C-alpha atoms as a PDB file:
ATOM      1  CA  MET A   1    -179.265 -34.867  42.265  1.00  0.00           C
ATOM      2  CA  ASP A   2    -177.319 -35.272  45.472  1.00  0.00           C
ATOM      3  CA  PRO A   3    -175.720 -38.768  45.934  1.00  0.00           C
ATOM      4  CA  LYS A   4    -176.968 -38.738  49.501  1.00  0.00           C
ATOM      5  CA  TRP A   5    -180.577 -38.534  48.280  1.00  0.00           C
ATOM      6  CA  LEU A   6    -179.935 -41.290  45.735  1.00  0.00           C
ATOM      7  CA  ALA A   7    -178.765 -43.576  48.532  1.00  0.00           C
ATOM      8  CA  VAL A   8    -181.841 -42.705  50.608  1.00  0.00           C
ATOM      9  CA  ALA A   9    -184.091 -43.365  47.594  1.00  0.00           C
ATOM     10  CA  ALA A  10    -182.410 -46.727  46.951  1.00  0.00           C
ATOM     11  CA  VAL A  11    -182.857 -47.764  50.595  1.00  0.00           C
ATOM     12  CA  ALA A  12    -186.495 -46.649  50.525  1.00  0.00           C
ATOM     13  CA  PHE A  13    -187.132 -48.606  47.333  1.00  0.00           C
ATOM     14  CA  ALA A  14    -185.471 -51.711  48.793  1.00  0.00           C
ATOM     15  CA  ALA A  15    -187.601 -51.375  51.935  1.00  0.00           C
ATOM     16  CA  PHE A  16    -190.707 -51.065  49.755  1.00  0.00           C
ATOM     17  CA  VAL A  17    -189.818 -54.242  47.826  1.00  0.00           C
ATOM     18  CA  VAL A  18    -189.149 -56.139  51.063  1.00  0.00           C
ATOM     19  CA  GLY A  19    -192.496 -54.935  52.411  1.00  0.00           C
ATOM     20  CA  VAL A  20    -194.382 -56.092  49.314  1.00  0.00           C
ATOM     21  CA  VAL A  21    -192.681 -59.497  49.377  1.00  0.00           C
ATOM     22  CA  THR A  22    -193.477 -59.835  53.086  1.00  0.00           C
ATOM     23  CA  MET A  23    -197.140 -58.995  52.469  1.00  0.00           C
ATOM     24  CA  VAL A  24    -197.423 -61.554  49.674  1.00  0.00           C
ATOM     25  CA  PHE A  25    -195.756 -64.193  51.836  1.00  0.00           C
ATOM     26  CA  THR A  26    -198.062 -63.354  54.776  1.00  0.00           C
ATOM     27  CA  PHE A  27    -201.185 -63.668  52.637  1.00  0.00           C
ATOM     28  CA  ALA A  28    -199.971 -67.014  51.277  1.00  0.00           C
ATOM     29  CA  GLN A  29    -199.298 -68.301  54.781  1.00  0.00           C
ATOM     30  CA  ARG A  30    -202.722 -67.129  56.011  1.00  0.00           C
ATOM     31  CA  ARG A  31    -204.381 -68.926  53.133  1.00  0.00           C
ATOM     32  CA  THR A  32    -202.462 -72.128  53.896  1.00  0.00           C
ATOM     33  CA  LEU A  33    -203.355 -71.852  57.574  1.00  0.00           C
ATOM     34  CA  ARG A  34    -207.033 -71.388  56.717  1.00  0.00           C
ATOM     35  CA  THR A  35    -206.961 -74.498  54.509  1.00  0.00           C
ATOM     36  CA  LEU A  36    -205.307 -76.555  57.246  1.00  0.00           C
ATOM     37  CA  LYS A  37    -207.877 -75.365  59.809  1.00  0.00           C
ATOM     38  CA  ARG A  38    -210.729 -76.411  57.492  1.00  0.00           C
ATOM     39  CA  ARG A  39    -209.172 -79.843  56.982  1.00  0.00           C
ATOM     40  CA  LEU A  40    -208.671 -80.348  60.686  1.00  0.00           C
ATOM     41  CA  GLN A  41    -212.259 -79.325  61.431  1.00  0.00           C
ATOM     42  CA  SER A  42    -213.566 -81.685  58.747  1.00  0.00           C
ATOM     43  CA  ILE A  43    -211.768 -84.612  60.369  1.00  0.00           C
ATOM     44  CA  PHE A  44    -213.612 -84.115  63.637  1.00  0.00           C
ATOM     45  CA  GLU A  45    -216.929 -82.889  62.225  1.00  0.00           C
ATOM     46  CA  GLU A  46    -217.440 -85.639  59.604  1.00  0.00           C
ATOM     47  CA  GLU A  47    -218.191 -88.321  62.168  1.00  0.00           C
ATOM     48  CA  ASP A  48    -220.000 -87.925  65.437  1.00  0.00           C
ATOM     49  CA  ASN A  49    -217.270 -89.648  67.362  1.00  0.00           C
ATOM     50  CA  LEU A  50    -213.607 -90.322  66.976  1.00  0.00           C
ATOM     51  CA  PRO A  51    -213.759 -94.172  67.060  1.00  0.00           C
ATOM     52  CA  ASP A  52    -216.016 -94.177  63.958  1.00  0.00           C
ATOM     53  CA  ARG A  53    -213.631 -91.868  62.170  1.00  0.00           C
ATOM     54  CA  VAL A  54    -210.633 -94.052  63.124  1.00  0.00           C
ATOM     55  CA  ALA A  55    -212.459 -97.158  61.858  1.00  0.00           C
ATOM     56  CA  LYS A  56    -213.207 -95.419  58.559  1.00  0.00           C
ATOM     57  CA  LEU A  57    -209.575 -94.390  58.199  1.00  0.00           C
ATOM     58  CA  GLY A  58    -208.522 -97.980  58.928  1.00  0.00           C
ATOM     59  CA  GLU A  59    -210.725 -99.213  56.058  1.00  0.00           C
ATOM     60  CA  GLN A  60    -209.164 -96.650  53.741  1.00  0.00           C
ATOM     61  CA  ILE A  61    -205.669 -97.774  54.767  1.00  0.00           C
ATOM     62  CA  ARG A  62    -206.527-101.436  54.069  1.00  0.00           C
ATOM     63  CA  ARG A  63    -207.899-100.480  50.638  1.00  0.00           C
ATOM     64  CA  HIS A  64    -204.736 -98.510  49.864  1.00  0.00           C
ATOM     65  CA  GLU A  65    -202.575-101.426  51.013  1.00  0.00           C
ATOM     66  CA  GLY A  66    -204.321-103.600  48.420  1.00  0.00           C
ATOM     67  CA  GLU A  67    -203.664-100.991  45.755  1.00  0.00           C
ATOM     68  CA  ILE A  68    -199.994-100.846  46.792  1.00  0.00           C
ATOM     69  CA  VAL A  69    -199.668-104.621  46.452  1.00  0.00           C
ATOM     70  CA  ALA A  70    -201.241-104.474  42.976  1.00  0.00           C
ATOM     71  CA  THR A  71    -198.851-101.679  41.983  1.00  0.00           C
ATOM     72  CA  GLN A  72    -195.862-103.650  43.283  1.00  0.00           C
ATOM     73  CA  GLN A  73    -196.957-106.654  41.199  1.00  0.00           C
ATOM     74  CA  THR A  74    -197.236-104.454  38.113  1.00  0.00           C
ATOM     75  CA  VAL A  75    -193.774-103.017  38.728  1.00  0.00           C
ATOM     76  CA  ALA A  76    -192.326-106.530  39.145  1.00  0.00           C
ATOM     77  CA  ALA A  77    -193.917-107.604  35.840  1.00  0.00           C
ATOM     78  CA  LEU A  78    -192.511-104.527  34.094  1.00  0.00           C
ATOM     79  CA  GLN A  79    -189.057-105.234  35.516  1.00  0.00           C
ATOM     80  CA  GLN A  80    -189.228-108.696  33.926  1.00  0.00           C
ATOM     81  CA  VAL A  81    -190.076-107.227  30.507  1.00  0.00           C
ATOM     82  CA  LEU A  82    -187.892-104.114  30.626  1.00  0.00           C
ATOM     83  CA  PRO A  83    -184.555-105.812  29.775  1.00  0.00           C
ATOM     84  CA  GLN A  84    -186.130-106.994  26.501  1.00  0.00           C
ATOM     85  CA  ALA A  85    -187.418-103.546  25.511  1.00  0.00           C
ATOM     86  CA  PHE A  86    -185.528-101.227  23.170  1.00  0.00           C
ATOM     87  CA  SER A  87    -184.019 -98.608  25.434  1.00  0.00           C
ATOM     88  CA  LYS A  88    -181.089 -97.353  23.354  1.00  0.00           C
ATOM     89  CA  PHE A  89    -181.121 -95.951  19.845  1.00  0.00           C
ATOM     90  CA  ALA A  90    -179.127 -93.963  17.348  1.00  0.00           C
ATOM     91  CA  ILE A  91    -180.029 -92.748  13.879  1.00  0.00           C
ATOM     92  CA  HIS A  92    -177.798 -91.370  11.142  1.00  0.00           C
ATOM     93  CA  PHE A  93    -179.090 -89.622   7.995  1.00  0.00           C
ATOM     94  CA  TYR A  94    -176.884 -89.575   4.903  1.00  0.00           C
ATOM     95  CA  ASP A  95    -176.790 -89.509   1.099  1.00  0.00           C
ATOM     96  CA  ALA A  96    -176.479 -93.110  -0.105  1.00  0.00           C
ATOM     97  CA  LEU A  97    -176.151 -91.986  -3.712  1.00  0.00           C
ATOM     98  CA  PRO A  98    -173.952 -88.987  -4.541  1.00  0.00           C
ATOM     99  CA  GLU A  99    -176.326 -87.722  -7.242  1.00  0.00           C
ATOM    100  CA  LEU A 100    -179.264 -87.607  -4.840  1.00  0.00           C
ATOM    101  CA  GLY A 101    -179.057 -84.965  -2.105  1.00  0.00           C
ATOM    102  CA  GLY A 102    -181.297 -84.289   0.854  1.00  0.00           C
ATOM    103  CA  ARG A 103    -180.068 -87.055   3.153  1.00  0.00           C
ATOM    104  CA  PHE A 104    -183.064 -89.299   2.530  1.00  0.00           C
ATOM    105  CA  SER A 105    -181.194 -92.489   3.467  1.00  0.00           C
ATOM    106  CA  PHE A 106    -180.713 -93.486   7.077  1.00  0.00           C
ATOM    107  CA  SER A 107    -179.491 -96.185   9.438  1.00  0.00           C
ATOM    108  CA  LEU A 108    -181.297 -96.717  12.739  1.00  0.00           C
ATOM    109  CA  ALA A 109    -180.037 -98.893  15.599  1.00  0.00           C
ATOM    110  CA  LEU A 110    -182.542-100.084  18.228  1.00  0.00           C
ATOM    111  CA  LEU A 111    -180.935-101.933  21.151  1.00  0.00           C
ATOM    112  CA  THR A 112    -181.902-103.417  24.509  1.00  0.00           C
ATOM    113  CA  GLN A 113    -179.830-102.899  27.661  1.00  0.00           C
ATOM    114  CA  SER A 114    -177.804-106.015  26.741  1.00  0.00           C
ATOM    115  CA  ASN A 115    -177.139-104.572  23.247  1.00  0.00           C
ATOM    116  CA  ASP A 116    -179.418-107.005  21.440  1.00  0.00           C
ATOM    117  CA  GLY A 117    -181.639-105.595  18.736  1.00  0.00           C
ATOM    118  CA  VAL A 118    -181.748-104.568  15.114  1.00  0.00           C
ATOM    119  CA  ILE A 119    -180.274-102.086  12.677  1.00  0.00           C
ATOM    120  CA  LEU A 120    -182.687-100.802  10.049  1.00  0.00           C
ATOM    121  CA  THR A 121    -181.179 -99.182   6.965  1.00  0.00           C
ATOM    122  CA  ALA A 122    -183.217 -97.378   4.312  1.00  0.00           C
ATOM    123  CA  LEU A 123    -181.394 -96.564   1.071  1.00  0.00           C
ATOM    124  CA  SER A 124    -183.276 -94.022  -1.023  1.00  0.00           C
ATOM    125  CA  SER A 125    -182.887 -93.400  -4.741  1.00  0.00           C
ATOM    126  CA  ARG A 126    -184.987 -91.410  -7.182  1.00  0.00           C
ATOM    127  CA  ASP A 127    -187.178 -94.421  -7.974  1.00  0.00           C
ATOM    128  CA  ALA A 128    -187.385 -96.430  -4.778  1.00  0.00           C
ATOM    129  CA  THR A 129    -186.372 -96.905  -1.185  1.00  0.00           C
ATOM    130  CA  ARG A 130    -184.977-100.227  -0.054  1.00  0.00           C
ATOM    131  CA  VAL A 131    -185.091-101.177   3.617  1.00  0.00           C
ATOM    132  CA  TYR A 132    -182.702-103.682   5.156  1.00  0.00           C
ATOM    133  CA  ALA A 133    -182.701-105.165   8.674  1.00  0.00           C
ATOM    134  CA  LYS A 134    -179.688-106.705  10.390  1.00  0.00           C
ATOM    135  CA  GLU A 135    -179.950-108.543  13.692  1.00  0.00           C
ATOM    136  CA  ILE A 136    -177.639-107.499  16.515  1.00  0.00           C
ATOM    137  CA  GLN A 137    -176.699-109.827  19.374  1.00  0.00           C
ATOM    138  CA  SER A 138    -174.508-108.612  22.240  1.00  0.00           C
ATOM    139  CA  GLY A 139    -173.498-105.580  20.202  1.00  0.00           C
ATOM    140  CA  ARG A 140    -172.356-107.592  17.166  1.00  0.00           C
ATOM    141  CA  SER A 141    -173.840-108.543  13.807  1.00  0.00           C
ATOM    142  CA  SER A 142    -173.310-111.805  11.947  1.00  0.00           C
ATOM    143  CA  ARG A 143    -173.507-109.758   8.715  1.00  0.00           C
ATOM    144  CA  VAL A 144    -171.084-107.182   7.378  1.00  0.00           C
ATOM    145  CA  LEU A 145    -172.089-103.677   8.431  1.00  0.00           C
ATOM    146  CA  SER A 146    -171.696-100.522   6.370  1.00  0.00           C
ATOM    147  CA  PRO A 147    -169.745 -97.622   7.896  1.00  0.00           C
ATOM    148  CA  GLU A 148    -173.051 -95.846   8.696  1.00  0.00           C
ATOM    149  CA  GLU A 149    -174.427 -98.973  10.376  1.00  0.00           C
ATOM    150  CA  GLU A 150    -171.242 -99.361  12.413  1.00  0.00           C
ATOM    151  CA  LEU A 151    -171.563 -95.712  13.446  1.00  0.00           C
ATOM    152  CA  VAL A 152    -175.135 -96.061  14.740  1.00  0.00           C
ATOM    153  CA  LEU A 153    -174.292 -99.351  16.469  1.00  0.00           C
ATOM    154  CA  ARG A 154    -171.367 -97.707  18.282  1.00  0.00           C
ATOM    155  CA  GLU A 155    -173.466 -94.660  19.245  1.00  0.00           C
ATOM    156  CA  ALA A 156    -176.443 -96.691  20.469  1.00  0.00           C
ATOM    157  CA  ALA A 157    -174.281 -99.155  22.426  1.00  0.00           C
ATOM    158  CA  ALA A 158    -172.331 -96.382  24.164  1.00  0.00           C
ATOM    159  CA  PRO A 159    -173.195 -96.551  27.881  1.00  0.00           C
ATOM    160  CA  SER A 160    -173.632 -92.803  28.286  1.00  0.00           C
ATOM    161  CA  LYS A 161    -176.038 -92.371  25.349  1.00  0.00           C
ATOM    162  CA  ALA A 162    -179.807 -92.743  25.675  1.00  0.00           C
ATOM    163  CA  GLY A 163    -180.190 -91.929  21.987  1.00  0.00           C
ATOM    164  CA  SER A 164    -178.694 -89.782  19.302  1.00  0.00           C
ATOM    165  CA  VAL A 165    -179.453 -88.336  15.900  1.00  0.00           C
ATOM    166  CA  ALA A 166    -176.742 -87.417  13.414  1.00  0.00           C
ATOM    167  CA  ALA A 167    -176.559 -86.249   9.817  1.00  0.00           C
ATOM    168  CA  GLU A 168    -173.648 -86.058   7.410  1.00  0.00           C
ATOM    169  CA  SER A 169    -172.554 -82.578   6.498  1.00  0.00           C
END
């Protein structure tokens, strides 16, 4: 086939695609315009006169203002509680006992924004699982931490981490 005809075919195809896109866009705009016209007509047709409609809208605004105040109060209450909520975490799965595989043991750090919280450690064996909790205040523990507990504390307290999950390989 002649390269000249290929170029003409490519231009024709591109023009066809542009035409289809233009048609779709035009139909979407017409639909939007129709919806806006209906809304505008409903504003003036709902009430017999404009002052009644304005009064009704004023009542709706006052009701919404009350809802906004209630929402602002809820947000303020949440902002009081939020610093005490656990917002940072890290978990590390590992084998506590060399003879038991499967990484059934874990250490989990749950911290607030001020790095207060708890580290939960579950040590699994064939017969039982023991769970230990260690309190954390300002990113430190009054008890000796295992290497896995230190790891999750460091990861959870890191400012750039919102949470992480790790497993020994």
